[in-house]
Amino acid sequence: MKPESRHAVCPGSFDPVTYGHLDIIRRTSQLYDEVWVAVFHNASKNAVFTVEERVELLRETTADMPNVRVASFRGLVVDFCEERGVGVIVKGVRAVSDFDYELQMAQMNYGLRGIETVMMPTNPLYSFLSSSMVKDAAKWGGDISPHVPDIVQRRLVERMRQE
């Protein structure tokens, strides 16, 4: 199946989804007819939320974007793309260190299946923001409300209290 150039995927672990993630997803949804948000299982990361919880949070926080679909996936992002006829991976890039890593991934993905990668510079408002920083701030009682939607904040604070 030849991938559709008007369909894109935004892959990630999204643990938890932040305003930085949502900004990239929203901007991508304005450029492509259909956007898949692919929540990947990542055994090397110590997740706070299950994959199912992350999918649920993403569905809730992208509900106002009618052309966005959310799914989980285990395996290679290029396989996810191929199964859905997606020809473009969109990745948010905050800094040169992100670019170095994403460039290697882009080259590998192109070499594996000819899937293109578009690197979107992060909005400067979110250039410092990462899920790890949000989790750490929440763990120590910091105010994460400027960085995540209300539903994510409530669920993350609740989860941190359980640990």
N, C-alpha and C. Protein backbone atom coordinates (compact mmCIF):
# COMPACT_ATOMS: atom_id res chain seq x y z
N MET A 1 0.84 -1.17 0.00
CA MET A 1 0.00 0.00 0.00
C MET A 1 0.89 1.24 0.00
N LYS A 2 0.64 2.16 -0.93
CA LYS A 2 1.40 3.41 -0.98
C LYS A 2 0.88 4.37 0.08
N PRO A 3 1.77 4.89 0.95
CA PRO A 3 1.32 5.80 2.00
C PRO A 3 0.70 7.08 1.44
N GLU A 4 -0.31 7.56 2.13
CA GLU A 4 -0.94 8.83 1.79
C GLU A 4 -0.07 9.95 2.32
N SER A 5 0.22 10.93 1.46
CA SER A 5 1.06 12.03 1.90
C SER A 5 0.29 13.01 2.78
N ARG A 6 -1.03 12.93 2.82
CA ARG A 6 -1.84 13.85 3.62
C ARG A 6 -2.17 13.27 4.99
N HIS A 7 -1.54 12.18 5.34
CA HIS A 7 -1.73 11.58 6.66
C HIS A 7 -0.39 11.59 7.39
N ALA A 8 -0.44 11.89 8.68
CA ALA A 8 0.80 11.95 9.46
C ALA A 8 0.61 11.22 10.78
N VAL A 9 1.73 10.88 11.39
CA VAL A 9 1.70 10.27 12.72
C VAL A 9 2.62 11.06 13.64
N CYS A 10 2.15 11.29 14.86
CA CYS A 10 2.95 11.89 15.93
C CYS A 10 3.18 10.79 16.97
N PRO A 11 4.33 10.15 16.95
CA PRO A 11 4.58 9.06 17.90
C PRO A 11 5.24 9.54 19.19
N GLY A 12 5.04 8.79 20.24
CA GLY A 12 5.71 9.10 21.49
C GLY A 12 5.19 8.24 22.62
N SER A 13 5.79 8.44 23.80
CA SER A 13 5.30 7.71 24.96
C SER A 13 4.24 8.51 25.72
N PHE A 14 4.30 9.84 25.66
CA PHE A 14 3.26 10.71 26.23
C PHE A 14 2.93 10.36 27.69
N ASP A 15 3.96 10.27 28.51
CA ASP A 15 3.76 9.87 29.92
C ASP A 15 4.24 10.95 30.88
N PRO A 16 3.43 11.99 31.10
CA PRO A 16 2.09 12.25 30.56
C PRO A 16 2.15 13.20 29.36
N VAL A 17 1.00 13.36 28.71
CA VAL A 17 0.87 14.34 27.64
C VAL A 17 0.97 15.74 28.25
N THR A 18 1.75 16.60 27.59
CA THR A 18 1.96 17.97 28.05
C THR A 18 1.41 18.95 27.02
N TYR A 19 1.38 20.23 27.39
CA TYR A 19 0.98 21.26 26.43
C TYR A 19 1.95 21.32 25.25
N GLY A 20 3.21 20.95 25.46
CA GLY A 20 4.16 20.89 24.36
C GLY A 20 3.76 19.83 23.33
N HIS A 21 3.38 18.65 23.81
CA HIS A 21 2.90 17.59 22.91
C HIS A 21 1.65 18.06 22.17
N LEU A 22 0.72 18.63 22.92
CA LEU A 22 -0.55 19.04 22.32
C LEU A 22 -0.36 20.14 21.29
N ASP A 23 0.62 21.02 21.50
CA ASP A 23 0.92 22.06 20.52
C ASP A 23 1.40 21.44 19.20
N ILE A 24 2.29 20.47 19.29
CA ILE A 24 2.78 19.79 18.08
C ILE A 24 1.64 19.04 17.39
N ILE A 25 0.80 18.35 18.15
CA ILE A 25 -0.33 17.62 17.57
C ILE A 25 -1.29 18.57 16.89
N ARG A 26 -1.61 19.69 17.55
CA ARG A 26 -2.55 20.67 16.97
C ARG A 26 -1.99 21.27 15.68
N ARG A 27 -0.73 21.67 15.71
CA ARG A 27 -0.13 22.25 14.51
C ARG A 27 -0.06 21.23 13.37
N THR A 28 0.22 19.98 13.71
CA THR A 28 0.23 18.92 12.70
C THR A 28 -1.17 18.73 12.12
N SER A 29 -2.19 18.79 12.98
CA SER A 29 -3.58 18.59 12.52
C SER A 29 -4.03 19.70 11.58
N GLN A 30 -3.36 20.84 11.62
CA GLN A 30 -3.69 21.94 10.71
C GLN A 30 -2.99 21.77 9.35
N LEU A 31 -2.02 20.90 9.29
CA LEU A 31 -1.26 20.68 8.06
C LEU A 31 -1.66 19.41 7.31
N TYR A 32 -2.23 18.43 8.03
CA TYR A 32 -2.55 17.13 7.44
C TYR A 32 -4.03 16.82 7.61
N ASP A 33 -4.55 16.03 6.66
CA ASP A 33 -5.97 15.66 6.69
C ASP A 33 -6.29 14.76 7.88
N GLU A 34 -5.39 13.85 8.17
CA GLU A 34 -5.59 12.92 9.29
C GLU A 34 -4.28 12.77 10.04
N VAL A 35 -4.36 12.82 11.37
CA VAL A 35 -3.19 12.68 12.22
C VAL A 35 -3.43 11.56 13.21
N TRP A 36 -2.51 10.62 13.21
CA TRP A 36 -2.52 9.55 14.21
C TRP A 36 -1.56 9.92 15.32
N VAL A 37 -2.01 9.86 16.55
CA VAL A 37 -1.13 9.98 17.70
C VAL A 37 -0.88 8.55 18.15
N ALA A 38 0.36 8.12 18.01
CA ALA A 38 0.72 6.73 18.31
C ALA A 38 1.42 6.67 19.65
N VAL A 39 0.77 6.03 20.60
CA VAL A 39 1.33 5.87 21.95
C VAL A 39 2.08 4.54 21.96
N PHE A 40 3.40 4.64 22.03
CA PHE A 40 4.21 3.45 21.94
C PHE A 40 4.54 2.87 23.30
N HIS A 41 4.53 1.56 23.35
CA HIS A 41 5.01 0.84 24.53
C HIS A 41 6.52 1.02 24.55
N ASN A 42 7.06 1.47 25.65
CA ASN A 42 8.50 1.65 25.76
C ASN A 42 8.97 1.02 27.06
N ALA A 43 9.47 -0.19 26.93
CA ALA A 43 9.88 -0.95 28.11
C ALA A 43 11.07 -0.31 28.82
N SER A 44 11.84 0.53 28.12
CA SER A 44 13.02 1.12 28.73
C SER A 44 12.68 2.33 29.61
N LYS A 45 11.45 2.82 29.52
CA LYS A 45 11.05 3.95 30.36
C LYS A 45 10.19 3.45 31.51
N ASN A 46 10.34 4.08 32.66
CA ASN A 46 9.55 3.73 33.84
C ASN A 46 8.29 4.58 33.83
N ALA A 47 7.21 4.06 33.28
CA ALA A 47 5.99 4.83 33.06
C ALA A 47 5.18 5.00 34.34
N VAL A 48 4.56 6.17 34.45
CA VAL A 48 3.63 6.45 35.55
C VAL A 48 2.24 5.95 35.17
N PHE A 49 1.85 6.18 33.92
CA PHE A 49 0.54 5.75 33.43
C PHE A 49 0.68 4.54 32.51
N THR A 50 -0.31 3.68 32.53
CA THR A 50 -0.33 2.56 31.59
C THR A 50 -0.55 3.12 30.18
N VAL A 51 -0.26 2.32 29.19
CA VAL A 51 -0.49 2.72 27.81
C VAL A 51 -1.98 3.06 27.62
N GLU A 52 -2.85 2.24 28.18
CA GLU A 52 -4.29 2.48 28.04
C GLU A 52 -4.69 3.81 28.66
N GLU A 53 -4.12 4.16 29.82
CA GLU A 53 -4.41 5.44 30.46
C GLU A 53 -3.90 6.61 29.61
N ARG A 54 -2.74 6.45 29.01
CA ARG A 54 -2.19 7.50 28.16
C ARG A 54 -3.05 7.71 26.92
N VAL A 55 -3.52 6.61 26.33
CA VAL A 55 -4.42 6.72 25.18
C VAL A 55 -5.69 7.46 25.59
N GLU A 56 -6.25 7.11 26.72
CA GLU A 56 -7.47 7.77 27.22
C GLU A 56 -7.23 9.27 27.44
N LEU A 57 -6.13 9.62 28.08
CA LEU A 57 -5.83 11.04 28.32
C LEU A 57 -5.64 11.79 27.01
N LEU A 58 -4.99 11.17 26.05
CA LEU A 58 -4.81 11.82 24.75
C LEU A 58 -6.14 11.98 24.01
N ARG A 59 -6.98 10.99 24.08
CA ARG A 59 -8.29 11.12 23.43
C ARG A 59 -9.09 12.28 24.04
N GLU A 60 -9.02 12.41 25.36
CA GLU A 60 -9.73 13.49 26.03
C GLU A 60 -9.14 14.85 25.67
N THR A 61 -7.82 14.95 25.63
CA THR A 61 -7.18 16.24 25.41
C THR A 61 -7.10 16.65 23.94
N THR A 62 -7.40 15.73 23.03
CA THR A 62 -7.44 16.07 21.60
C THR A 62 -8.86 16.01 21.04
N ALA A 63 -9.85 15.91 21.91
CA ALA A 63 -11.24 15.77 21.47
C ALA A 63 -11.70 16.93 20.59
N ASP A 64 -11.10 18.10 20.73
CA ASP A 64 -11.49 19.25 19.93
C ASP A 64 -10.79 19.29 18.57
N MET A 65 -10.02 18.25 18.26
CA MET A 65 -9.31 18.14 16.97
C MET A 65 -9.93 16.98 16.19
N PRO A 66 -10.92 17.26 15.34
CA PRO A 66 -11.68 16.17 14.71
C PRO A 66 -10.90 15.25 13.79
N ASN A 67 -9.75 15.68 13.30
CA ASN A 67 -8.98 14.83 12.39
C ASN A 67 -7.85 14.08 13.09
N VAL A 68 -7.88 14.05 14.43
CA VAL A 68 -6.85 13.35 15.21
C VAL A 68 -7.40 12.04 15.73
N ARG A 69 -6.63 10.98 15.54
CA ARG A 69 -6.96 9.65 16.04
C ARG A 69 -5.84 9.22 16.99
N VAL A 70 -6.18 8.45 18.00
CA VAL A 70 -5.18 8.00 18.97
C VAL A 70 -5.22 6.48 19.04
N ALA A 71 -4.04 5.88 19.03
CA ALA A 71 -3.93 4.42 19.13
C ALA A 71 -2.62 4.07 19.82
N SER A 72 -2.59 2.88 20.40
CA SER A 72 -1.33 2.40 20.97
C SER A 72 -0.69 1.45 19.97
N PHE A 73 0.60 1.23 20.16
CA PHE A 73 1.32 0.37 19.23
C PHE A 73 2.58 -0.15 19.88
N ARG A 74 2.91 -1.37 19.57
CA ARG A 74 4.16 -1.99 20.02
C ARG A 74 4.93 -2.36 18.76
N GLY A 75 6.17 -1.93 18.69
CA GLY A 75 6.98 -2.26 17.53
C GLY A 75 7.59 -1.04 16.88
N LEU A 76 7.81 -1.13 15.59
CA LEU A 76 8.43 -0.04 14.83
C LEU A 76 7.40 0.97 14.37
N VAL A 77 7.74 2.24 14.46
CA VAL A 77 6.82 3.29 14.00
C VAL A 77 6.53 3.15 12.50
N VAL A 78 7.50 2.66 11.74
CA VAL A 78 7.27 2.51 10.30
C VAL A 78 6.22 1.42 10.02
N ASP A 79 6.14 0.41 10.87
CA ASP A 79 5.10 -0.61 10.72
C ASP A 79 3.73 0.01 11.02
N PHE A 80 3.65 0.83 12.07
CA PHE A 80 2.42 1.54 12.39
C PHE A 80 1.98 2.38 11.19
N CYS A 81 2.93 3.10 10.60
CA CYS A 81 2.64 3.94 9.43
C CYS A 81 2.15 3.11 8.25
N GLU A 82 2.86 2.04 7.98
CA GLU A 82 2.52 1.20 6.83
C GLU A 82 1.12 0.60 6.97
N GLU A 83 0.78 0.15 8.17
CA GLU A 83 -0.54 -0.45 8.41
C GLU A 83 -1.67 0.54 8.20
N ARG A 84 -1.40 1.84 8.37
CA ARG A 84 -2.45 2.86 8.27
C ARG A 84 -2.30 3.75 7.05
N GLY A 85 -1.38 3.45 6.17
CA GLY A 85 -1.19 4.26 4.97
C GLY A 85 -0.68 5.66 5.25
N VAL A 86 0.16 5.78 6.28
CA VAL A 86 0.70 7.08 6.68
C VAL A 86 2.10 7.23 6.09
N GLY A 87 2.37 8.37 5.46
CA GLY A 87 3.66 8.56 4.82
C GLY A 87 4.59 9.52 5.53
N VAL A 88 4.14 10.13 6.63
CA VAL A 88 4.95 11.15 7.30
C VAL A 88 4.90 10.98 8.81
N ILE A 89 6.07 11.04 9.43
CA ILE A 89 6.20 11.07 10.89
C ILE A 89 6.53 12.52 11.25
N VAL A 90 5.80 13.08 12.21
CA VAL A 90 6.08 14.44 12.67
C VAL A 90 6.62 14.36 14.10
N LYS A 91 7.76 14.99 14.31
CA LYS A 91 8.40 15.00 15.62
C LYS A 91 8.66 16.44 16.05
N GLY A 92 8.32 16.74 17.30
CA GLY A 92 8.66 18.03 17.87
C GLY A 92 10.12 18.03 18.29
N VAL A 93 10.80 19.14 18.04
CA VAL A 93 12.21 19.25 18.37
C VAL A 93 12.41 20.49 19.23
N ARG A 94 12.92 20.28 20.45
CA ARG A 94 13.12 21.38 21.39
C ARG A 94 14.50 22.00 21.30
N ALA A 95 15.51 21.18 21.07
CA ALA A 95 16.90 21.65 21.13
C ALA A 95 17.75 20.82 20.18
N VAL A 96 19.00 21.22 20.05
CA VAL A 96 19.94 20.51 19.18
C VAL A 96 20.07 19.05 19.60
N SER A 97 20.03 18.79 20.90
CA SER A 97 20.15 17.40 21.37
C SER A 97 18.98 16.56 20.86
N ASP A 98 17.76 17.13 20.84
CA ASP A 98 16.62 16.42 20.26
C ASP A 98 16.85 16.17 18.78
N PHE A 99 17.35 17.19 18.07
CA PHE A 99 17.57 17.07 16.64
C PHE A 99 18.55 15.95 16.32
N ASP A 100 19.64 15.87 17.06
CA ASP A 100 20.64 14.82 16.82
C ASP A 100 20.01 13.43 16.89
N TYR A 101 19.23 13.20 17.93
CA TYR A 101 18.58 11.90 18.11
C TYR A 101 17.53 11.67 17.02
N GLU A 102 16.67 12.66 16.77
CA GLU A 102 15.59 12.51 15.80
C GLU A 102 16.11 12.35 14.38
N LEU A 103 17.24 12.98 14.06
CA LEU A 103 17.84 12.82 12.74
C LEU A 103 18.24 11.37 12.51
N GLN A 104 18.86 10.75 13.51
CA GLN A 104 19.23 9.34 13.38
C GLN A 104 18.00 8.46 13.19
N MET A 105 16.94 8.74 13.98
CA MET A 105 15.70 7.96 13.84
C MET A 105 15.07 8.17 12.47
N ALA A 106 15.07 9.42 12.00
CA ALA A 106 14.50 9.73 10.68
C ALA A 106 15.23 8.97 9.58
N GLN A 107 16.55 8.94 9.66
CA GLN A 107 17.32 8.24 8.65
C GLN A 107 17.08 6.74 8.69
N MET A 108 16.95 6.18 9.89
CA MET A 108 16.65 4.76 10.03
C MET A 108 15.26 4.46 9.46
N ASN A 109 14.27 5.27 9.82
CA ASN A 109 12.90 5.04 9.34
C ASN A 109 12.80 5.17 7.83
N TYR A 110 13.52 6.11 7.26
CA TYR A 110 13.53 6.25 5.81
C TYR A 110 14.19 5.04 5.17
N GLY A 111 15.28 4.59 5.77
CA GLY A 111 15.98 3.42 5.24
C GLY A 111 15.16 2.15 5.34
N LEU A 112 14.36 2.02 6.40
CA LEU A 112 13.55 0.81 6.59
C LEU A 112 12.37 0.75 5.64
N ARG A 113 11.63 1.87 5.48
CA ARG A 113 10.38 1.84 4.71
C ARG A 113 10.14 3.05 3.82
N GLY A 114 11.10 3.96 3.74
CA GLY A 114 10.90 5.15 2.91
C GLY A 114 9.92 6.14 3.51
N ILE A 115 9.71 6.07 4.82
CA ILE A 115 8.80 6.99 5.50
C ILE A 115 9.56 8.27 5.82
N GLU A 116 9.00 9.40 5.42
CA GLU A 116 9.63 10.69 5.67
C GLU A 116 9.37 11.15 7.11
N THR A 117 10.27 11.98 7.63
CA THR A 117 10.09 12.59 8.94
C THR A 117 10.14 14.10 8.78
N VAL A 118 9.17 14.78 9.38
CA VAL A 118 9.15 16.23 9.44
C VAL A 118 9.45 16.61 10.88
N MET A 119 10.45 17.46 11.06
CA MET A 119 10.79 17.92 12.41
C MET A 119 10.23 19.32 12.59
N MET A 120 9.36 19.44 13.57
CA MET A 120 8.68 20.70 13.84
C MET A 120 9.29 21.37 15.07
N PRO A 121 9.81 22.58 14.90
CA PRO A 121 10.35 23.26 16.08
C PRO A 121 9.26 23.50 17.11
N THR A 122 9.60 23.24 18.36
CA THR A 122 8.66 23.44 19.45
C THR A 122 8.38 24.92 19.64
N ASN A 123 7.16 25.24 19.99
CA ASN A 123 6.80 26.59 20.37
C ASN A 123 7.73 27.01 21.51
N PRO A 124 8.33 28.21 21.45
CA PRO A 124 9.26 28.63 22.51
C PRO A 124 8.65 28.56 23.92
N LEU A 125 7.34 28.67 24.03
CA LEU A 125 6.70 28.56 25.34
C LEU A 125 6.94 27.20 25.99
N TYR A 126 7.20 26.19 25.16
CA TYR A 126 7.33 24.82 25.65
C TYR A 126 8.72 24.23 25.41
N SER A 127 9.68 25.05 25.05
CA SER A 127 10.98 24.53 24.64
C SER A 127 11.74 23.82 25.77
N PHE A 128 11.40 24.11 27.00
CA PHE A 128 12.08 23.49 28.14
C PHE A 128 11.31 22.29 28.68
N LEU A 129 10.08 22.11 28.22
CA LEU A 129 9.13 21.19 28.83
C LEU A 129 9.35 19.75 28.40
N SER A 130 9.34 18.85 29.38
CA SER A 130 9.40 17.41 29.09
C SER A 130 8.49 16.69 30.07
N SER A 131 8.02 15.53 29.69
CA SER A 131 7.20 14.71 30.58
C SER A 131 7.96 14.37 31.86
N SER A 132 9.25 14.11 31.73
CA SER A 132 10.06 13.78 32.91
C SER A 132 10.08 14.92 33.91
N MET A 133 10.24 16.14 33.42
CA MET A 133 10.26 17.30 34.32
C MET A 133 8.90 17.48 35.00
N VAL A 134 7.82 17.28 34.25
CA VAL A 134 6.47 17.41 34.81
C VAL A 134 6.27 16.38 35.91
N LYS A 135 6.67 15.13 35.64
CA LYS A 135 6.52 14.08 36.66
C LYS A 135 7.33 14.40 37.91
N ASP A 136 8.54 14.88 37.72
CA ASP A 136 9.39 15.20 38.86
C ASP A 136 8.80 16.35 39.67
N ALA A 137 8.31 17.38 39.01
CA ALA A 137 7.68 18.51 39.71
C ALA A 137 6.45 18.04 40.48
N ALA A 138 5.63 17.21 39.84
CA ALA A 138 4.42 16.70 40.50
C ALA A 138 4.78 15.85 41.72
N LYS A 139 5.81 15.06 41.59
CA LYS A 139 6.24 14.19 42.69
C LYS A 139 6.57 15.00 43.94
N TRP A 140 7.15 16.17 43.75
CA TRP A 140 7.57 17.00 44.88
C TRP A 140 6.60 18.13 45.19
N GLY A 141 5.37 18.03 44.65
CA GLY A 141 4.33 18.99 45.00
C GLY A 141 4.37 20.30 44.24
N GLY A 142 5.12 20.36 43.17
CA GLY A 142 5.19 21.58 42.36
C GLY A 142 3.90 21.82 41.58
N ASP A 143 3.67 23.07 41.21
CA ASP A 143 2.49 23.44 40.43
C ASP A 143 2.74 23.13 38.96
N ILE A 144 2.11 22.08 38.45
CA ILE A 144 2.29 21.69 37.05
C ILE A 144 1.17 22.22 36.16
N SER A 145 0.24 22.97 36.72
CA SER A 145 -0.92 23.45 35.95
C SER A 145 -0.55 24.25 34.70
N PRO A 146 0.56 25.00 34.66
CA PRO A 146 0.89 25.70 33.41
C PRO A 146 1.40 24.77 32.30
N HIS A 147 1.65 23.51 32.63
CA HIS A 147 2.33 22.63 31.69
C HIS A 147 1.49 21.48 31.14
N VAL A 148 0.37 21.19 31.82
CA VAL A 148 -0.48 20.08 31.39
C VAL A 148 -1.96 20.47 31.53
N PRO A 149 -2.84 19.86 30.73
CA PRO A 149 -4.28 20.11 30.90
C PRO A 149 -4.76 19.67 32.28
N ASP A 150 -5.88 20.24 32.73
CA ASP A 150 -6.42 19.96 34.06
C ASP A 150 -6.60 18.47 34.32
N ILE A 151 -7.15 17.74 33.37
CA ILE A 151 -7.40 16.31 33.56
C ILE A 151 -6.09 15.56 33.80
N VAL A 152 -5.05 15.95 33.11
CA VAL A 152 -3.74 15.32 33.28
C VAL A 152 -3.17 15.68 34.65
N GLN A 153 -3.30 16.94 35.03
CA GLN A 153 -2.80 17.36 36.33
C GLN A 153 -3.47 16.58 37.46
N ARG A 154 -4.80 16.50 37.41
CA ARG A 154 -5.52 15.77 38.46
C ARG A 154 -5.07 14.32 38.54
N ARG A 155 -5.00 13.66 37.39
CA ARG A 155 -4.63 12.24 37.37
C ARG A 155 -3.19 12.03 37.82
N LEU A 156 -2.29 12.92 37.43
CA LEU A 156 -0.89 12.77 37.80
C LEU A 156 -0.68 13.02 39.29
N VAL A 157 -1.30 14.05 39.82
CA VAL A 157 -1.17 14.34 41.25
C VAL A 157 -1.75 13.19 42.07
N GLU A 158 -2.90 12.67 41.63
CA GLU A 158 -3.51 11.52 42.30
C GLU A 158 -2.57 10.31 42.28
N ARG A 159 -1.97 10.04 41.14
CA ARG A 159 -1.06 8.91 40.99
C ARG A 159 0.18 9.07 41.86
N MET A 160 0.70 10.27 41.93
CA MET A 160 1.89 10.53 42.72
C MET A 160 1.61 10.35 44.23
N ARG A 161 0.40 10.64 44.63
CA ARG A 161 0.03 10.44 46.04
C ARG A 161 -0.02 8.97 46.41
N GLN A 162 -0.31 8.11 45.42
CA GLN A 162 -0.41 6.67 45.66
C GLN A 162 0.96 6.03 45.81
N GLU A 163 1.98 6.66 45.29
CA GLU A 163 3.33 6.07 45.33
C GLU A 163 4.03 6.35 46.62
